[in-house]
């Protein structure tokens, strides 16, 4: 093989390697979140703490601080949760009774004046903490996933089939700020 053809062969090999890496990277990203839906990011939501998105549609559950008229948190019911129904022109809608009591609702317990323990009614194995932080004087929700303490910004729940009462939940991903590094992270957990 002469020098010119070897040089062309080397360039071709480099280009092919780059293309294969790009394609495999896209496939890996798709396997991480195989949902075919393009989820919108909620914007300009008053007092929003975090949100949940899940298959089978783009409707988004919003979890916000429930302030009283005097501007203080409602200690007996600190979280206000509702839908933004993006699939229906972005209409805001309260959870219905079944969703509130059996699926997306939150139960709370006061720990102290500025801290609450939260649990989803449908999955009690994931305790959350609502806490007012000294650093910014705002409430934030924290959770521990895979030995990491995360300030929750969003949760994605991958559902493949099943029914309302028994959805086939593959996993949940929590995205937020890692409390130890102050960097954005996403941690996946299998729900059982």
Protein backbone atom coordinates (compact mmCIF):
# COMPACT_ATOMS: atom_id res chain seq x y z
CA UNK A 1 0.00 0.00 0.00
CA UNK A 2 1.52 3.32 -0.98
CA UNK A 3 1.63 6.39 1.29
CA UNK A 4 -1.26 8.18 -0.48
CA UNK A 5 -3.70 5.27 -0.28
CA UNK A 6 -2.70 4.56 3.35
CA UNK A 7 -3.36 8.22 4.21
CA UNK A 8 -6.82 8.05 2.55
CA UNK A 9 -7.53 4.77 4.32
CA UNK A 10 -6.59 6.34 7.67
CA UNK A 11 -8.81 9.38 7.05
CA UNK A 12 -11.71 7.13 6.04
CA UNK A 13 -11.24 5.01 9.14
CA UNK A 14 -11.27 8.12 11.36
CA UNK A 15 -14.47 9.43 9.70
CA UNK A 16 -16.18 6.03 10.05
CA UNK A 17 -15.13 5.81 13.72
CA UNK A 18 -16.56 9.28 14.42
CA UNK A 19 -19.84 8.43 12.66
CA UNK A 20 -20.19 5.14 14.54
CA UNK A 21 -19.57 6.93 17.86
CA UNK A 22 -22.16 9.60 17.01
CA UNK A 23 -24.79 7.01 16.03
CA UNK A 24 -24.12 4.80 19.05
CA UNK A 25 -24.31 7.89 21.31
CA UNK A 26 -27.76 8.70 19.92
CA UNK A 27 -28.87 5.10 20.40
CA UNK A 28 -27.57 5.13 23.97
CA UNK A 29 -29.45 8.37 24.68
CA UNK A 30 -32.62 6.83 23.25
CA UNK A 31 -32.21 3.71 25.38
CA UNK A 32 -31.88 5.92 28.48
CA UNK A 33 -35.29 7.48 27.81
CA UNK A 34 -37.14 5.49 25.19
CA UNK A 35 -40.27 7.62 25.42
CA UNK A 36 -41.24 8.89 21.97
CA UNK A 37 -42.85 11.98 23.51
CA UNK A 38 -41.32 15.45 23.54
CA UNK A 39 -42.08 16.82 26.99
CA UNK A 40 -42.40 20.58 27.46
CA UNK A 41 -40.61 22.27 30.35
CA UNK A 42 -43.05 24.12 32.61
CA UNK A 43 -42.22 27.83 32.76
CA UNK A 44 -43.38 30.75 34.92
CA UNK A 45 -45.23 28.57 37.43
CA UNK A 46 -45.81 30.39 40.73
CA UNK A 47 -44.13 28.70 43.72
CA UNK A 48 -43.30 25.51 41.77
CA UNK A 49 -41.07 23.07 43.64
CA UNK A 50 -40.85 20.28 41.04
CA UNK A 51 -42.88 18.50 38.39
CA UNK A 52 -43.58 14.97 37.19
CA UNK A 53 -43.82 13.84 33.59
CA UNK A 54 -44.63 10.31 32.53
CA UNK A 55 -45.82 8.21 29.69
CA UNK A 56 -48.36 7.97 28.07
CA UNK A 57 -48.87 11.72 27.38
CA UNK A 58 -47.24 15.12 27.86
CA UNK A 59 -49.57 16.32 30.63
CA UNK A 60 -47.42 17.41 33.58
CA UNK A 61 -48.10 17.19 37.31
CA UNK A 62 -46.98 20.36 39.10
CA UNK A 63 -46.08 20.44 42.79
CA UNK A 64 -45.98 23.94 44.31
CA UNK A 65 -45.87 25.54 47.75
CA UNK A 66 -49.35 26.04 49.14
CA UNK A 67 -49.21 29.51 50.69
CA UNK A 68 -52.04 30.95 52.76
CA UNK A 69 -53.41 34.45 52.20
CA UNK A 70 -51.03 35.79 54.88
CA UNK A 71 -48.03 34.62 52.80
CA UNK A 72 -47.09 31.79 55.17
CA UNK A 73 -46.99 28.15 54.19
CA UNK A 74 -50.13 26.12 54.92
CA UNK A 75 -48.65 23.73 57.50
CA UNK A 76 -51.53 21.28 57.37
CA UNK A 77 -51.36 21.05 53.55
CA UNK A 78 -47.99 22.48 52.38
CA UNK A 79 -48.13 21.22 48.78
CA UNK A 80 -50.57 22.26 46.07
CA UNK A 81 -50.55 19.74 43.21
CA UNK A 82 -52.33 19.99 39.86
CA UNK A 83 -52.01 19.25 36.14
CA UNK A 84 -50.87 21.41 33.32
CA UNK A 85 -52.64 19.57 30.54
CA UNK A 86 -50.27 20.33 27.66
CA UNK A 87 -52.14 17.79 25.54
CA UNK A 88 -55.22 20.02 25.97
CA UNK A 89 -53.83 23.49 25.14
CA UNK A 90 -51.94 23.89 28.44
CA UNK A 91 -55.06 24.03 30.60
CA UNK A 92 -54.48 24.04 34.38
CA UNK A 93 -56.63 21.42 36.10
CA UNK A 94 -56.80 20.01 39.64
CA UNK A 95 -56.18 16.30 40.18
CA UNK A 96 -59.42 14.37 40.34
CA UNK A 97 -60.26 12.39 43.48
CA UNK A 98 -58.72 9.12 42.20
CA UNK A 99 -55.51 10.83 41.06
CA UNK A 100 -55.19 12.72 44.37
CA UNK A 101 -55.93 9.74 46.64
CA UNK A 102 -54.32 6.85 44.73
CA UNK A 103 -51.76 8.11 42.21
CA UNK A 104 -50.22 11.59 42.25
CA UNK A 105 -51.28 13.03 45.59
CA UNK A 106 -48.85 13.89 48.38
CA UNK A 107 -49.22 13.27 52.09
CA UNK A 108 -47.30 15.46 54.51
CA UNK A 109 -46.17 15.39 58.10
CA UNK A 110 -44.72 18.40 59.94
CA UNK A 111 -41.19 17.83 61.24
CA UNK A 112 -40.70 21.38 62.54
CA UNK A 113 -41.71 24.95 61.65
CA UNK A 114 -39.90 25.03 58.32
CA UNK A 115 -39.59 21.31 57.45
CA UNK A 116 -42.04 18.63 56.33
CA UNK A 117 -41.82 14.96 55.39
CA UNK A 118 -43.65 14.18 52.13
CA UNK A 119 -44.73 10.91 50.54
CA UNK A 120 -46.50 10.12 47.29
CA UNK A 121 -49.74 8.28 48.02
CA UNK A 122 -48.85 5.70 45.37
CA UNK A 123 -45.25 5.05 46.41
CA UNK A 124 -44.41 5.41 50.09
CA UNK A 125 -40.87 4.01 49.72
CA UNK A 126 -39.54 7.37 48.52
CA UNK A 127 -39.64 9.86 51.40
CA UNK A 128 -39.16 13.48 50.37
CA UNK A 129 -38.29 16.44 52.56
CA UNK A 130 -39.72 19.92 52.06
CA UNK A 131 -37.42 22.39 53.78
CA UNK A 132 -36.92 26.14 53.89
CA UNK A 133 -33.27 26.83 53.17
CA UNK A 134 -31.27 29.49 55.00
CA UNK A 135 -29.26 30.24 51.84
CA UNK A 136 -32.17 31.68 49.81
CA UNK A 137 -35.07 31.68 52.31
CA UNK A 138 -37.10 29.52 49.89
CA UNK A 139 -38.60 26.06 50.20
CA UNK A 140 -37.06 23.18 48.28
CA UNK A 141 -37.80 19.45 48.07
CA UNK A 142 -35.01 16.95 48.72
CA UNK A 143 -34.77 13.19 48.21
CA UNK A 144 -32.05 10.57 48.58
CA UNK A 145 -31.55 8.36 45.52
CA UNK A 146 -28.61 5.99 45.05
CA UNK A 147 -26.87 7.49 48.12
CA UNK A 148 -27.14 11.01 46.65
CA UNK A 149 -29.14 13.83 48.23
CA UNK A 150 -30.90 15.69 45.44
CA UNK A 151 -32.82 18.96 45.41
CA UNK A 152 -35.64 17.78 43.15
CA UNK A 153 -36.50 19.72 40.00
CA UNK A 154 -38.29 17.04 37.98
CA UNK A 155 -39.21 13.38 38.02
CA UNK A 156 -39.80 11.27 34.94
CA UNK A 157 -41.72 8.00 35.31
CA UNK A 158 -41.38 5.45 32.50
CA UNK A 159 -44.62 3.49 32.15
CA UNK A 160 -45.07 0.70 29.63
CA UNK A 161 -48.67 -0.46 29.58
CA UNK A 162 -50.68 -1.74 32.47
CA UNK A 163 -53.79 0.02 33.79
CA UNK A 164 -54.65 2.95 36.05
CA UNK A 165 -54.67 0.69 39.11
CA UNK A 166 -51.67 -1.39 38.03
CA UNK A 167 -49.44 0.57 35.68
CA UNK A 168 -46.32 -1.21 34.48
CA UNK A 169 -43.74 1.23 35.85
CA UNK A 170 -40.25 0.46 34.55
CA UNK A 171 -38.32 3.14 36.43
CA UNK A 172 -38.30 6.71 37.68
CA UNK A 173 -35.60 9.30 37.10
CA UNK A 174 -35.03 12.17 39.51
CA UNK A 175 -33.32 15.24 38.10
CA UNK A 176 -32.10 18.08 40.26
CA UNK A 177 -29.15 19.59 42.06
CA UNK A 178 -26.74 17.25 43.86
CA UNK A 179 -26.50 18.68 47.38
CA UNK A 180 -22.81 17.74 47.74
CA UNK A 181 -21.49 19.02 44.38
CA UNK A 182 -24.12 21.66 43.51
CA UNK A 183 -24.26 20.21 39.97
CA UNK A 184 -27.29 19.02 38.01
CA UNK A 185 -27.65 15.25 38.07
CA UNK A 186 -30.17 12.61 37.06
CA UNK A 187 -30.47 9.41 39.07
CA UNK A 188 -32.56 6.44 37.94
CA UNK A 189 -34.29 4.07 40.31
CA UNK A 190 -36.24 0.91 39.69
CA UNK A 191 -39.60 0.95 41.44
CA UNK A 192 -40.76 -2.26 43.06
